[in-house]
């Protein structure tokens, strides 16, 4: 099939670079990754992932952890399980 349509979007340079690094590790170029995304949208008749609006509790948790509050730091998995009491 001949490819003649163009998709253009402006995004943050850092986001573009980070995503393209992931594409590279997967052996994809940006065109291939975008094509996969569009194909999945077509096949699922919607986005290929869930979208949700965070609850107020989730927003508060994001805000706290982003600012370094209420974090529990673990040395390793065993330490994490011990702190979780499991």
PDB file of N, CA and C in Angstrom:
ATOM      1  N   UNK A   1       0.844  -1.171   0.000  1.00  0.00           N
ATOM      2  CA  UNK A   1       0.000   0.000   0.000  1.00  0.00           C
ATOM      3  C   UNK A   1       0.894   1.241   0.000  1.00  0.00           C
ATOM      4  N   UNK A   2       0.577   2.190  -0.838  1.00  0.00           N
ATOM      5  CA  UNK A   2       1.360   3.424  -0.943  1.00  0.00           C
ATOM      6  C   UNK A   2       1.053   4.330   0.243  1.00  0.00           C
ATOM      7  N   UNK A   3       2.112   4.854   0.843  1.00  0.00           N
ATOM      8  CA  UNK A   3       1.952   5.756   1.984  1.00  0.00           C
ATOM      9  C   UNK A   3       2.049   7.195   1.485  1.00  0.00           C
ATOM     10  N   UNK A   4       0.925   7.912   1.524  1.00  0.00           N
ATOM     11  CA  UNK A   4       0.932   9.294   1.043  1.00  0.00           C
ATOM     12  C   UNK A   4       0.425  10.282   2.086  1.00  0.00           C
ATOM     13  N   UNK A   5      -0.170   9.802   3.183  1.00  0.00           N
ATOM     14  CA  UNK A   5      -0.687  10.708   4.215  1.00  0.00           C
ATOM     15  C   UNK A   5       0.431  11.105   5.170  1.00  0.00           C
ATOM     16  N   UNK A   6       0.316  12.292   5.729  1.00  0.00           N
ATOM     17  CA  UNK A   6       1.312  12.810   6.660  1.00  0.00           C
ATOM     18  C   UNK A   6       0.646  13.128   7.995  1.00  0.00           C
ATOM     19  N   UNK A   7       1.341  12.804   9.072  1.00  0.00           N
ATOM     20  CA  UNK A   7       0.899  13.148  10.423  1.00  0.00           C
ATOM     21  C   UNK A   7       1.937  14.100  10.989  1.00  0.00           C
ATOM     22  N   UNK A   8       1.480  15.250  11.493  1.00  0.00           N
ATOM     23  CA  UNK A   8       2.404  16.216  12.097  1.00  0.00           C
ATOM     24  C   UNK A   8       1.914  16.562  13.487  1.00  0.00           C
ATOM     25  N   UNK A   9       2.842  16.657  14.401  1.00  0.00           N
ATOM     26  CA  UNK A   9       2.489  17.018  15.776  1.00  0.00           C
ATOM     27  C   UNK A   9       3.671  17.718  16.416  1.00  0.00           C
ATOM     28  N   UNK A  10       3.377  18.670  17.272  1.00  0.00           N
ATOM     29  CA  UNK A  10       4.423  19.329  18.054  1.00  0.00           C
ATOM     30  C   UNK A  10       4.398  18.744  19.460  1.00  0.00           C
ATOM     31  N   UNK A  11       5.556  18.265  19.901  1.00  0.00           N
ATOM     32  CA  UNK A  11       5.670  17.716  21.244  1.00  0.00           C
ATOM     33  C   UNK A  11       6.954  18.234  21.876  1.00  0.00           C
ATOM     34  N   UNK A  12       7.076  18.039  23.173  1.00  0.00           N
ATOM     35  CA  UNK A  12       8.268  18.483  23.879  1.00  0.00           C
ATOM     36  C   UNK A  12       9.481  17.696  23.384  1.00  0.00           C
ATOM     37  N   UNK A  13      10.590  18.389  23.137  1.00  0.00           N
ATOM     38  CA  UNK A  13      11.790  17.695  22.631  1.00  0.00           C
ATOM     39  C   UNK A  13      12.237  16.539  23.520  1.00  0.00           C
ATOM     40  N   UNK A  14      12.157  16.716  24.836  1.00  0.00           N
ATOM     41  CA  UNK A  14      12.594  15.652  25.747  1.00  0.00           C
ATOM     42  C   UNK A  14      11.709  14.415  25.603  1.00  0.00           C
ATOM     43  N   UNK A  15      10.389  14.617  25.502  1.00  0.00           N
ATOM     44  CA  UNK A  15       9.466  13.502  25.314  1.00  0.00           C
ATOM     45  C   UNK A  15       9.777  12.776  24.009  1.00  0.00           C
ATOM     46  N   UNK A  16      10.012  13.535  22.953  1.00  0.00           N
ATOM     47  CA  UNK A  16      10.347  12.954  21.645  1.00  0.00           C
ATOM     48  C   UNK A  16      11.613  12.116  21.742  1.00  0.00           C
ATOM     49  N   UNK A  17      12.655  12.671  22.345  1.00  0.00           N
ATOM     50  CA  UNK A  17      13.928  11.957  22.460  1.00  0.00           C
ATOM     51  C   UNK A  17      13.779  10.680  23.287  1.00  0.00           C
ATOM     52  N   UNK A  18      13.085  10.782  24.420  1.00  0.00           N
ATOM     53  CA  UNK A  18      12.906   9.610  25.283  1.00  0.00           C
ATOM     54  C   UNK A  18      12.123   8.516  24.565  1.00  0.00           C
ATOM     55  N   UNK A  19      11.050   8.898  23.891  1.00  0.00           N
ATOM     56  CA  UNK A  19      10.243   7.914  23.166  1.00  0.00           C
ATOM     57  C   UNK A  19      11.049   7.286  22.033  1.00  0.00           C
ATOM     58  N   UNK A  20      11.787   8.095  21.298  1.00  0.00           N
ATOM     59  CA  UNK A  20      12.561   7.566  20.188  1.00  0.00           C
ATOM     60  C   UNK A  20      13.687   6.651  20.660  1.00  0.00           C
ATOM     61  N   UNK A  21      14.210   6.894  21.853  1.00  0.00           N
ATOM     62  CA  UNK A  21      15.188   5.968  22.430  1.00  0.00           C
ATOM     63  C   UNK A  21      14.547   4.609  22.687  1.00  0.00           C
ATOM     64  N   UNK A  22      13.320   4.605  23.181  1.00  0.00           N
ATOM     65  CA  UNK A  22      12.592   3.347  23.401  1.00  0.00           C
ATOM     66  C   UNK A  22      12.329   2.667  22.060  1.00  0.00           C
ATOM     67  N   UNK A  23      11.876   3.429  21.064  1.00  0.00           N
ATOM     68  CA  UNK A  23      11.633   2.856  19.735  1.00  0.00           C
ATOM     69  C   UNK A  23      12.903   2.178  19.219  1.00  0.00           C
ATOM     70  N   UNK A  24      14.033   2.867  19.368  1.00  0.00           N
ATOM     71  CA  UNK A  24      15.311   2.332  18.889  1.00  0.00           C
ATOM     72  C   UNK A  24      15.630   1.000  19.568  1.00  0.00           C
ATOM     73  N   UNK A  25      15.418   0.937  20.890  1.00  0.00           N
ATOM     74  CA  UNK A  25      15.680  -0.312  21.616  1.00  0.00           C
ATOM     75  C   UNK A  25      14.759  -1.428  21.151  1.00  0.00           C
ATOM     76  N   UNK A  26      13.576  -1.066  20.661  1.00  0.00           N
ATOM     77  CA  UNK A  26      12.632  -2.058  20.142  1.00  0.00           C
ATOM     78  C   UNK A  26      12.865  -2.370  18.668  1.00  0.00           C
ATOM     79  N   UNK A  27      13.827  -1.674  18.057  1.00  0.00           N
ATOM     80  CA  UNK A  27      14.119  -1.895  16.647  1.00  0.00           C
ATOM     81  C   UNK A  27      13.142  -1.195  15.718  1.00  0.00           C
ATOM     82  N   UNK A  28      12.521  -0.132  16.205  1.00  0.00           N
ATOM     83  CA  UNK A  28      11.533   0.612  15.423  1.00  0.00           C
ATOM     84  C   UNK A  28      12.017   2.027  15.152  1.00  0.00           C
ATOM     85  N   UNK A  29      11.570   2.580  14.030  1.00  0.00           N
ATOM     86  CA  UNK A  29      11.772   4.007  13.818  1.00  0.00           C
ATOM     87  C   UNK A  29      10.445   4.702  14.160  1.00  0.00           C
ATOM     88  N   UNK A  30      10.432   6.029  14.268  1.00  0.00           N
ATOM     89  CA  UNK A  30       9.202   6.724  14.651  1.00  0.00           C
ATOM     90  C   UNK A  30       8.018   6.427  13.728  1.00  0.00           C
ATOM     91  N   UNK A  31       8.252   6.332  12.434  1.00  0.00           N
ATOM     92  CA  UNK A  31       7.154   6.047  11.502  1.00  0.00           C
ATOM     93  C   UNK A  31       6.534   4.685  11.800  1.00  0.00           C
ATOM     94  N   UNK A  32       7.379   3.684  12.046  1.00  0.00           N
ATOM     95  CA  UNK A  32       6.865   2.360  12.363  1.00  0.00           C
ATOM     96  C   UNK A  32       6.071   2.370  13.670  1.00  0.00           C
ATOM     97  N   UNK A  33       6.573   3.080  14.679  1.00  0.00           N
ATOM     98  CA  UNK A  33       5.887   3.140  15.970  1.00  0.00           C
ATOM     99  C   UNK A  33       4.525   3.829  15.832  1.00  0.00           C
ATOM    100  N   UNK A  34       4.483   4.914  15.091  1.00  0.00           N
ATOM    101  CA  UNK A  34       3.216   5.617  14.880  1.00  0.00           C
ATOM    102  C   UNK A  34       2.247   4.749  14.093  1.00  0.00           C
ATOM    103  N   UNK A  35       2.755   4.030  13.106  1.00  0.00           N
ATOM    104  CA  UNK A  35       1.907   3.130  12.321  1.00  0.00           C
ATOM    105  C   UNK A  35       1.320   2.036  13.210  1.00  0.00           C
ATOM    106  N   UNK A  36       2.126   1.469  14.108  1.00  0.00           N
ATOM    107  CA  UNK A  36       1.632   0.457  15.040  1.00  0.00           C
ATOM    108  C   UNK A  36       0.530   1.047  15.915  1.00  0.00           C
ATOM    109  N   UNK A  37       0.760   2.255  16.431  1.00  0.00           N
ATOM    110  CA  UNK A  37      -0.244   2.909  17.263  1.00  0.00           C
ATOM    111  C   UNK A  37      -1.547   3.091  16.487  1.00  0.00           C
ATOM    112  N   UNK A  38      -1.478   3.635  15.288  1.00  0.00           N
ATOM    113  CA  UNK A  38      -2.677   3.850  14.473  1.00  0.00           C
ATOM    114  C   UNK A  38      -3.379   2.529  14.156  1.00  0.00           C
ATOM    115  N   UNK A  39      -2.609   1.482  13.865  1.00  0.00           N
ATOM    116  CA  UNK A  39      -3.202   0.178  13.548  1.00  0.00           C
ATOM    117  C   UNK A  39      -3.939  -0.376  14.762  1.00  0.00           C
ATOM    118  N   UNK A  40      -3.361  -0.220  15.938  1.00  0.00           N
ATOM    119  CA  UNK A  40      -4.026  -0.684  17.153  1.00  0.00           C
ATOM    120  C   UNK A  40      -5.316   0.104  17.421  1.00  0.00           C
ATOM    121  N   UNK A  41      -5.286   1.410  17.176  1.00  0.00           N
ATOM    122  CA  UNK A  41      -6.503   2.220  17.312  1.00  0.00           C
ATOM    123  C   UNK A  41      -7.572   1.690  16.365  1.00  0.00           C
ATOM    124  N   UNK A  42      -7.176   1.405  15.137  1.00  0.00           N
ATOM    125  CA  UNK A  42      -8.118   0.885  14.142  1.00  0.00           C
ATOM    126  C   UNK A  42      -8.675  -0.472  14.569  1.00  0.00           C
ATOM    127  N   UNK A  43      -7.801  -1.387  14.990  1.00  0.00           N
ATOM    128  CA  UNK A  43      -8.231  -2.734  15.363  1.00  0.00           C
ATOM    129  C   UNK A  43      -9.139  -2.748  16.591  1.00  0.00           C
ATOM    130  N   UNK A  44      -8.854  -1.889  17.552  1.00  0.00           N
ATOM    131  CA  UNK A  44      -9.624  -1.858  18.800  1.00  0.00           C
ATOM    132  C   UNK A  44     -10.801  -0.894  18.751  1.00  0.00           C
ATOM    133  N   UNK A  45     -10.841  -0.096  17.680  1.00  0.00           N
ATOM    134  CA  UNK A  45     -11.866   0.932  17.554  1.00  0.00           C
ATOM    135  C   UNK A  45     -11.820   1.876  18.763  1.00  0.00           C
ATOM    136  N   UNK A  46     -10.618   2.204  19.168  1.00  0.00           N
ATOM    137  CA  UNK A  46     -10.388   3.081  20.310  1.00  0.00           C
ATOM    138  C   UNK A  46      -8.914   3.073  20.657  1.00  0.00           C
ATOM    139  N   UNK A  47      -8.562   3.763  21.708  1.00  0.00           N
ATOM    140  CA  UNK A  47      -7.160   3.802  22.121  1.00  0.00           C
ATOM    141  C   UNK A  47      -6.714   2.438  22.632  1.00  0.00           C
ATOM    142  N   UNK A  48      -5.462   2.062  22.387  1.00  0.00           N
ATOM    143  CA  UNK A  48      -4.980   0.742  22.797  1.00  0.00           C
ATOM    144  C   UNK A  48      -4.524   0.690  24.255  1.00  0.00           C
ATOM    145  N   UNK A  49      -5.017   1.588  25.063  1.00  0.00           N
ATOM    146  CA  UNK A  49      -4.705   1.602  26.493  1.00  0.00           C
ATOM    147  C   UNK A  49      -5.825   2.340  27.196  1.00  0.00           C
ATOM    148  N   UNK A  50      -5.959   2.103  28.494  1.00  0.00           N
ATOM    149  CA  UNK A  50      -7.000   2.753  29.271  1.00  0.00           C
ATOM    150  C   UNK A  50      -6.582   4.169  29.635  1.00  0.00           C
ATOM    151  N   UNK A  51      -7.536   5.069  29.575  1.00  0.00           N
ATOM    152  CA  UNK A  51      -7.345   6.430  30.056  1.00  0.00           C
ATOM    153  C   UNK A  51      -8.283   6.645  31.231  1.00  0.00           C
ATOM    154  N   UNK A  52      -7.783   7.263  32.269  1.00  0.00           N
ATOM    155  CA  UNK A  52      -8.616   7.512  33.437  1.00  0.00           C
ATOM    156  C   UNK A  52      -8.230   8.851  34.052  1.00  0.00           C
ATOM    157  N   UNK A  53      -9.208   9.516  34.603  1.00  0.00           N
ATOM    158  CA  UNK A  53      -8.959  10.763  35.323  1.00  0.00           C
ATOM    159  C   UNK A  53      -8.615  10.380  36.755  1.00  0.00           C
ATOM    160  N   UNK A  54      -7.448  10.802  37.246  1.00  0.00           N
ATOM    161  CA  UNK A  54      -7.055  10.429  38.606  1.00  0.00           C
ATOM    162  C   UNK A  54      -8.040  10.956  39.644  1.00  0.00           C
ATOM    163  N   UNK A  55      -8.273  10.153  40.673  1.00  0.00           N
ATOM    164  CA  UNK A  55      -9.119  10.585  41.785  1.00  0.00           C
ATOM    165  C   UNK A  55      -8.365  11.631  42.603  1.00  0.00           C
ATOM    166  N   UNK A  56      -9.055  12.277  43.502  1.00  0.00           N
ATOM    167  CA  UNK A  56      -8.394  13.292  44.337  1.00  0.00           C
ATOM    168  C   UNK A  56      -7.308  12.652  45.194  1.00  0.00           C
ATOM    169  N   UNK A  57      -7.544  11.431  45.667  1.00  0.00           N
ATOM    170  CA  UNK A  57      -6.530  10.733  46.464  1.00  0.00           C
ATOM    171  C   UNK A  57      -5.291  10.456  45.626  1.00  0.00           C
ATOM    172  N   UNK A  58      -5.494  10.011  44.387  1.00  0.00           N
ATOM    173  CA  UNK A  58      -4.369   9.752  43.496  1.00  0.00           C
ATOM    174  C   UNK A  58      -3.606  11.036  43.206  1.00  0.00           C
ATOM    175  N   UNK A  59      -4.319  12.131  42.954  1.00  0.00           N
ATOM    176  CA  UNK A  59      -3.664  13.421  42.706  1.00  0.00           C
ATOM    177  C   UNK A  59      -2.834  13.846  43.910  1.00  0.00           C
ATOM    178  N   UNK A  60      -3.384  13.682  45.111  1.00  0.00           N
ATOM    179  CA  UNK A  60      -2.649  14.051  46.325  1.00  0.00           C
ATOM    180  C   UNK A  60      -1.392  13.194  46.474  1.00  0.00           C
ATOM    181  N   UNK A  61      -1.513  11.920  46.157  1.00  0.00           N
ATOM    182  CA  UNK A  61      -0.362  11.019  46.240  1.00  0.00           C
ATOM    183  C   UNK A  61       0.709  11.420  45.236  1.00  0.00           C
ATOM    184  N   UNK A  62       0.299  11.723  43.997  1.00  0.00           N
ATOM    185  CA  UNK A  62       1.261  12.181  42.985  1.00  0.00           C
ATOM    186  C   UNK A  62       1.964  13.455  43.451  1.00  0.00           C
ATOM    187  N   UNK A  63       1.193  14.407  43.949  1.00  0.00           N
ATOM    188  CA  UNK A  63       1.768  15.674  44.416  1.00  0.00           C
ATOM    189  C   UNK A  63       2.772  15.432  45.545  1.00  0.00           C
ATOM    190  N   UNK A  64       2.401  14.568  46.485  1.00  0.00           N
ATOM    191  CA  UNK A  64       3.278  14.299  47.626  1.00  0.00           C
ATOM    192  C   UNK A  64       4.571  13.631  47.175  1.00  0.00           C
ATOM    193  N   UNK A  65       4.465  12.604  46.360  1.00  0.00           N
ATOM    194  CA  UNK A  65       5.677  11.898  45.938  1.00  0.00           C
ATOM    195  C   UNK A  65       6.532  12.746  45.003  1.00  0.00           C
ATOM    196  N   UNK A  66       5.893  13.556  44.146  1.00  0.00           N
ATOM    197  CA  UNK A  66       6.660  14.442  43.263  1.00  0.00           C
ATOM    198  C   UNK A  66       7.481  15.441  44.060  1.00  0.00           C
ATOM    199  N   UNK A  67       6.967  15.838  45.227  1.00  0.00           N
ATOM    200  CA  UNK A  67       7.700  16.799  46.051  1.00  0.00           C
ATOM    201  C   UNK A  67       8.564  16.109  47.106  1.00  0.00           C
ATOM    202  N   UNK A  68       8.616  14.770  47.064  1.00  0.00           N
ATOM    203  CA  UNK A  68       9.486  14.034  47.976  1.00  0.00           C
ATOM    204  C   UNK A  68       8.889  13.763  49.343  1.00  0.00           C
ATOM    205  N   UNK A  69       7.594  13.993  49.514  1.00  0.00           N
ATOM    206  CA  UNK A  69       6.940  13.747  50.806  1.00  0.00           C
ATOM    207  C   UNK A  69       6.334  12.340  50.812  1.00  0.00           C
ATOM    208  N   UNK A  70       6.226  11.793  52.029  1.00  0.00           N
ATOM    209  CA  UNK A  70       5.533  10.515  52.243  1.00  0.00           C
ATOM    210  C   UNK A  70       6.132   9.358  51.443  1.00  0.00           C
ATOM    211  N   UNK A  71       7.431   9.389  51.233  1.00  0.00           N
ATOM    212  CA  UNK A  71       8.098   8.309  50.512  1.00  0.00           C
ATOM    213  C   UNK A  71       8.661   7.294  51.497  1.00  0.00           C
ATOM    214  N   UNK A  72       8.581   6.042  51.146  1.00  0.00           N
ATOM    215  CA  UNK A  72       9.223   4.988  51.915  1.00  0.00           C
ATOM    216  C   UNK A  72      10.292   4.385  51.010  1.00  0.00           C
ATOM    217  N   UNK A  73      11.531   4.530  51.417  1.00  0.00           N
ATOM    218  CA  UNK A  73      12.653   4.057  50.610  1.00  0.00           C
ATOM    219  C   UNK A  73      13.072   2.679  51.114  1.00  0.00           C
ATOM    220  N   UNK A  74      13.243   1.755  50.183  1.00  0.00           N
ATOM    221  CA  UNK A  74      13.627   0.389  50.520  1.00  0.00           C
ATOM    222  C   UNK A  74      14.999   0.093  49.936  1.00  0.00           C
ATOM    223  N   UNK A  75      15.788  -0.672  50.681  1.00  0.00           N
ATOM    224  CA  UNK A  75      17.133  -1.040  50.228  1.00  0.00           C
ATOM    225  C   UNK A  75      17.075  -2.085  49.117  1.00  0.00           C
ATOM    226  N   UNK A  76      16.100  -2.971  49.209  1.00  0.00           N
ATOM    227  CA  UNK A  76      15.966  -4.060  48.250  1.00  0.00           C
ATOM    228  C   UNK A  76      14.571  -4.663  48.395  1.00  0.00           C
ATOM    229  N   UNK A  77      14.303  -5.723  47.647  1.00  0.00           N
ATOM    230  CA  UNK A  77      12.971  -6.336  47.680  1.00  0.00           C
ATOM    231  C   UNK A  77      12.641  -6.888  49.063  1.00  0.00           C
ATOM    232  N   UNK A  78      13.611  -7.516  49.710  1.00  0.00           N
ATOM    233  CA  UNK A  78      13.366  -8.079  51.041  1.00  0.00           C
ATOM    234  C   UNK A  78      12.979  -6.988  52.035  1.00  0.00           C
ATOM    235  N   UNK A  79      13.668  -5.858  51.961  1.00  0.00           N
ATOM    236  CA  UNK A  79      13.354  -4.714  52.820  1.00  0.00           C
ATOM    237  C   UNK A  79      11.947  -4.182  52.529  1.00  0.00           C
ATOM    238  N   UNK A  80      11.584  -4.160  51.256  1.00  0.00           N
ATOM    239  CA  UNK A  80      10.246  -3.695  50.883  1.00  0.00           C
ATOM    240  C   UNK A  80       9.176  -4.630  51.472  1.00  0.00           C
ATOM    241  N   UNK A  81       9.361  -5.937  51.322  1.00  0.00           N
ATOM    242  CA  UNK A  81       8.368  -6.878  51.848  1.00  0.00           C
ATOM    243  C   UNK A  81       8.269  -6.770  53.371  1.00  0.00           C
ATOM    244  N   UNK A  82       9.418  -6.557  54.017  1.00  0.00           N
ATOM    245  CA  UNK A  82       9.419  -6.401  55.470  1.00  0.00           C
ATOM    246  C   UNK A  82       8.625  -5.157  55.861  1.00  0.00           C
ATOM    247  N   UNK A  83       8.832  -4.052  55.153  1.00  0.00           N
ATOM    248  CA  UNK A  83       8.113  -2.818  55.470  1.00  0.00           C
ATOM    249  C   UNK A  83       6.624  -2.922  55.140  1.00  0.00           C
ATOM    250  N   UNK A  84       6.298  -3.749  54.160  1.00  0.00           N
ATOM    251  CA  UNK A  84       4.886  -3.975  53.821  1.00  0.00           C
ATOM    252  C   UNK A  84       4.250  -5.042  54.717  1.00  0.00           C
ATOM    253  N   UNK A  85       5.084  -5.690  55.531  1.00  0.00           N
ATOM    254  CA  UNK A  85       4.654  -6.756  56.425  1.00  0.00           C
ATOM    255  C   UNK A  85       4.038  -7.942  55.675  1.00  0.00           C
ATOM    256  N   UNK A  86       4.695  -8.298  54.579  1.00  0.00           N
ATOM    257  CA  UNK A  86       4.239  -9.478  53.826  1.00  0.00           C
ATOM    258  C   UNK A  86       5.410 -10.401  53.557  1.00  0.00           C
TER     259      UNK A  86
END
